[in-house]
Each structure stands twice: as structure tokens, then as C-alpha cells.
Amino acid sequence: MGRHKTRSSRRLHPTRPLAGGSYPHCETKRDGDHVVRNVPAGRATKIYTCPGCLHPIPPGTPHIVAWPHDAIGFGTESPVSQRRHWHTGCWQSRP
């Protein structure tokens, strides 16, 4: 009989905690409720374009990720797919 190599399940390993300040919370803006998460500098690894000012958010820049709390429209698209990366100041000055 052959030997079976056992593999541990990934679900048995403890999950890695989120970086400080990255827990989502809800904020209300003129266009409705949004889920907002702070991205600390150490977790910002890509270049994004801020929809508020249309300028780049370079890697290593702390910023905000926000998406609608509820789905918009009649599609089956998840609200999370509508998330956008904002400069913190651009998000805070948004009505």
C-alpha cells in the first residue's frame, strides 16, 4: 500500500491580523453610505489614481479605500467591486 502524504488545511492556521488602522467602518457622504478602510503606508504597494483629484497615489502613501455600502443599480455586481482608492484629504473634503 502506498503512503499518503497529509497536508495541513489552510483553515487550521490562524489568520493574520489586519494592519493597525485598517478595520473598515461606515461613513455617510452626499451619495449615501460607504464602507471606508484606512490603508497604512506599509500596506500601500501599488499606484492608484485618486478619483477626487485624478492624481496618482504612489506606493508607500497612506490613503483611504472606500466603496458603497449597498449595491448600486440592478446588476449582481458586488459593492466591493466598486471600491476606489482616495487620498485621505480628498476623501475627507468630499461632501
C-alpha atoms as a PDB file:
ATOM      1  CA  MET A   1       0.000   0.000   0.000  1.00  0.00           C
ATOM      2  CA  GLY A   2       1.192   3.494  -0.802  1.00  0.00           C
ATOM      3  CA  ARG A   3       1.824   6.155   1.723  1.00  0.00           C
ATOM      4  CA  HIS A   4      -0.403   9.178   1.688  1.00  0.00           C
ATOM      5  CA  LYS A   5       1.208  12.459   2.386  1.00  0.00           C
ATOM      6  CA  THR A   6      -1.017  14.550   4.614  1.00  0.00           C
ATOM      7  CA  ARG A   7      -1.319  18.257   4.059  1.00  0.00           C
ATOM      8  CA  SER A   8      -2.487  20.628   6.690  1.00  0.00           C
ATOM      9  CA  SER A   9      -5.502  22.663   5.838  1.00  0.00           C
ATOM     10  CA  ARG A  10      -5.020  26.399   5.460  1.00  0.00           C
ATOM     11  CA  ARG A  11      -8.130  26.857   7.552  1.00  0.00           C
ATOM     12  CA  LEU A  12      -6.357  25.384  10.558  1.00  0.00           C
ATOM     13  CA  HIS A  13      -3.698  28.082  10.561  1.00  0.00           C
ATOM     14  CA  PRO A  14      -4.509  31.254  12.458  1.00  0.00           C
ATOM     15  CA  THR A  15      -5.439  34.140  10.222  1.00  0.00           C
ATOM     16  CA  ARG A  16      -3.063  37.049  10.019  1.00  0.00           C
ATOM     17  CA  PRO A  17      -4.440  40.126  11.818  1.00  0.00           C
ATOM     18  CA  LEU A  18      -5.170  43.213   9.774  1.00  0.00           C
ATOM     19  CA  ALA A  19      -2.677  46.032   9.988  1.00  0.00           C
ATOM     20  CA  GLY A  20      -3.477  48.721  12.501  1.00  0.00           C
ATOM     21  CA  GLY A  21      -5.979  51.279  11.324  1.00  0.00           C
ATOM     22  CA  SER A  22      -7.250  49.071   8.517  1.00  0.00           C
ATOM     23  CA  TYR A  23     -10.548  47.974  10.043  1.00  0.00           C
ATOM     24  CA  PRO A  24     -13.491  49.062   7.900  1.00  0.00           C
ATOM     25  CA  HIS A  25     -16.083  51.487   9.190  1.00  0.00           C
ATOM     26  CA  CYS A  26     -19.113  53.239   7.704  1.00  0.00           C
ATOM     27  CA  GLU A  27     -19.208  56.895   6.656  1.00  0.00           C
ATOM     28  CA  THR A  28     -22.099  58.808   5.127  1.00  0.00           C
ATOM     29  CA  LYS A  29     -21.478  61.133   2.196  1.00  0.00           C
ATOM     30  CA  ARG A  30     -23.879  63.028  -0.049  1.00  0.00           C
ATOM     31  CA  ASP A  31     -24.343  59.994  -2.315  1.00  0.00           C
ATOM     32  CA  GLY A  32     -25.014  57.546   0.534  1.00  0.00           C
ATOM     33  CA  ASP A  33     -23.249  55.259   2.986  1.00  0.00           C
ATOM     34  CA  HIS A  34     -19.775  53.965   2.226  1.00  0.00           C
ATOM     35  CA  VAL A  35     -17.538  51.353   3.783  1.00  0.00           C
ATOM     36  CA  VAL A  36     -14.188  53.035   4.420  1.00  0.00           C
ATOM     37  CA  ARG A  37     -10.844  51.484   5.266  1.00  0.00           C
ATOM     38  CA  ASN A  38      -7.549  53.228   6.009  1.00  0.00           C
ATOM     39  CA  VAL A  39      -4.555  51.831   4.164  1.00  0.00           C
ATOM     40  CA  PRO A  40      -1.336  52.414   6.139  1.00  0.00           C
ATOM     41  CA  ALA A  41       1.855  53.309   4.271  1.00  0.00           C
ATOM     42  CA  GLY A  42       3.371  49.855   4.752  1.00  0.00           C
ATOM     43  CA  ARG A  43       0.390  48.172   3.055  1.00  0.00           C
ATOM     44  CA  ALA A  44       0.219  50.605   0.113  1.00  0.00           C
ATOM     45  CA  THR A  45       2.190  48.743  -2.541  1.00  0.00           C
ATOM     46  CA  LYS A  46       0.623  49.836  -5.851  1.00  0.00           C
ATOM     47  CA  ILE A  47      -0.027  53.061  -7.714  1.00  0.00           C
ATOM     48  CA  TYR A  48      -3.686  54.121  -7.754  1.00  0.00           C
ATOM     49  CA  THR A  49      -5.416  57.150  -9.252  1.00  0.00           C
ATOM     50  CA  CYS A  50      -7.479  59.152  -6.784  1.00  0.00           C
ATOM     51  CA  PRO A  51     -10.991  59.779  -8.181  1.00  0.00           C
ATOM     52  CA  GLY A  52     -11.164  63.040  -6.222  1.00  0.00           C
ATOM     53  CA  CYS A  53      -8.218  64.839  -7.827  1.00  0.00           C
ATOM     54  CA  LEU A  54      -7.213  62.384 -10.591  1.00  0.00           C
ATOM     55  CA  HIS A  55      -3.598  62.438  -9.327  1.00  0.00           C
ATOM     56  CA  PRO A  56      -1.649  59.258  -8.566  1.00  0.00           C
ATOM     57  CA  ILE A  57      -1.359  57.777  -5.111  1.00  0.00           C
ATOM     58  CA  PRO A  58       2.206  56.429  -5.087  1.00  0.00           C
ATOM     59  CA  PRO A  59       3.270  53.283  -3.203  1.00  0.00           C
ATOM     60  CA  GLY A  60       4.053  53.939   0.442  1.00  0.00           C
ATOM     61  CA  THR A  61       1.414  56.669   0.750  1.00  0.00           C
ATOM     62  CA  PRO A  62      -1.234  56.135   3.428  1.00  0.00           C
ATOM     63  CA  HIS A  63      -4.688  56.576   1.906  1.00  0.00           C
ATOM     64  CA  ILE A  64      -8.375  55.563   2.049  1.00  0.00           C
ATOM     65  CA  VAL A  65     -10.223  52.771   0.264  1.00  0.00           C
ATOM     66  CA  ALA A  66     -13.975  53.327   0.027  1.00  0.00           C
ATOM     67  CA  TRP A  67     -16.892  51.552  -1.641  1.00  0.00           C
ATOM     68  CA  PRO A  68     -20.682  51.860  -1.489  1.00  0.00           C
ATOM     69  CA  HIS A  69     -22.283  50.128   1.461  1.00  0.00           C
ATOM     70  CA  ASP A  70     -25.037  48.725  -0.762  1.00  0.00           C
ATOM     71  CA  ALA A  71     -25.030  47.604  -4.373  1.00  0.00           C
ATOM     72  CA  ILE A  72     -25.791  50.346  -6.887  1.00  0.00           C
ATOM     73  CA  GLY A  73     -28.010  49.508  -9.845  1.00  0.00           C
ATOM     74  CA  PHE A  74     -29.796  46.314 -10.733  1.00  0.00           C
ATOM     75  CA  GLY A  75     -26.801  44.114 -11.573  1.00  0.00           C
ATOM     76  CA  THR A  76     -25.401  41.339  -9.448  1.00  0.00           C
ATOM     77  CA  GLU A  77     -22.110  43.205  -9.094  1.00  0.00           C
ATOM     78  CA  SER A  78     -20.762  43.326  -5.558  1.00  0.00           C
ATOM     79  CA  PRO A  79     -20.351  46.779  -3.978  1.00  0.00           C
ATOM     80  CA  VAL A  80     -16.742  45.811  -3.175  1.00  0.00           C
ATOM     81  CA  SER A  81     -16.002  45.716  -6.918  1.00  0.00           C
ATOM     82  CA  GLN A  82     -16.753  49.467  -6.896  1.00  0.00           C
ATOM     83  CA  ARG A  83     -14.037  50.263  -4.343  1.00  0.00           C
ATOM     84  CA  ARG A  84     -11.774  53.188  -5.075  1.00  0.00           C
ATOM     85  CA  HIS A  85      -8.525  54.400  -3.524  1.00  0.00           C
ATOM     86  CA  TRP A  86      -8.609  58.042  -2.384  1.00  0.00           C
ATOM     87  CA  HIS A  87      -6.082  60.457  -0.957  1.00  0.00           C
ATOM     88  CA  THR A  88      -7.124  60.898   2.654  1.00  0.00           C
ATOM     89  CA  GLY A  89      -7.608  64.655   2.204  1.00  0.00           C
ATOM     90  CA  CYS A  90      -9.648  64.196  -0.988  1.00  0.00           C
ATOM     91  CA  TRP A  91     -11.974  61.738   0.775  1.00  0.00           C
ATOM     92  CA  GLN A  92     -12.355  63.941   3.855  1.00  0.00           C
ATOM     93  CA  SER A  93     -13.182  67.036   1.794  1.00  0.00           C
ATOM     94  CA  ARG A  94     -15.789  65.134  -0.233  1.00  0.00           C
ATOM     95  CA  PRO A  95     -19.336  66.253   0.658  1.00  0.00           C
END
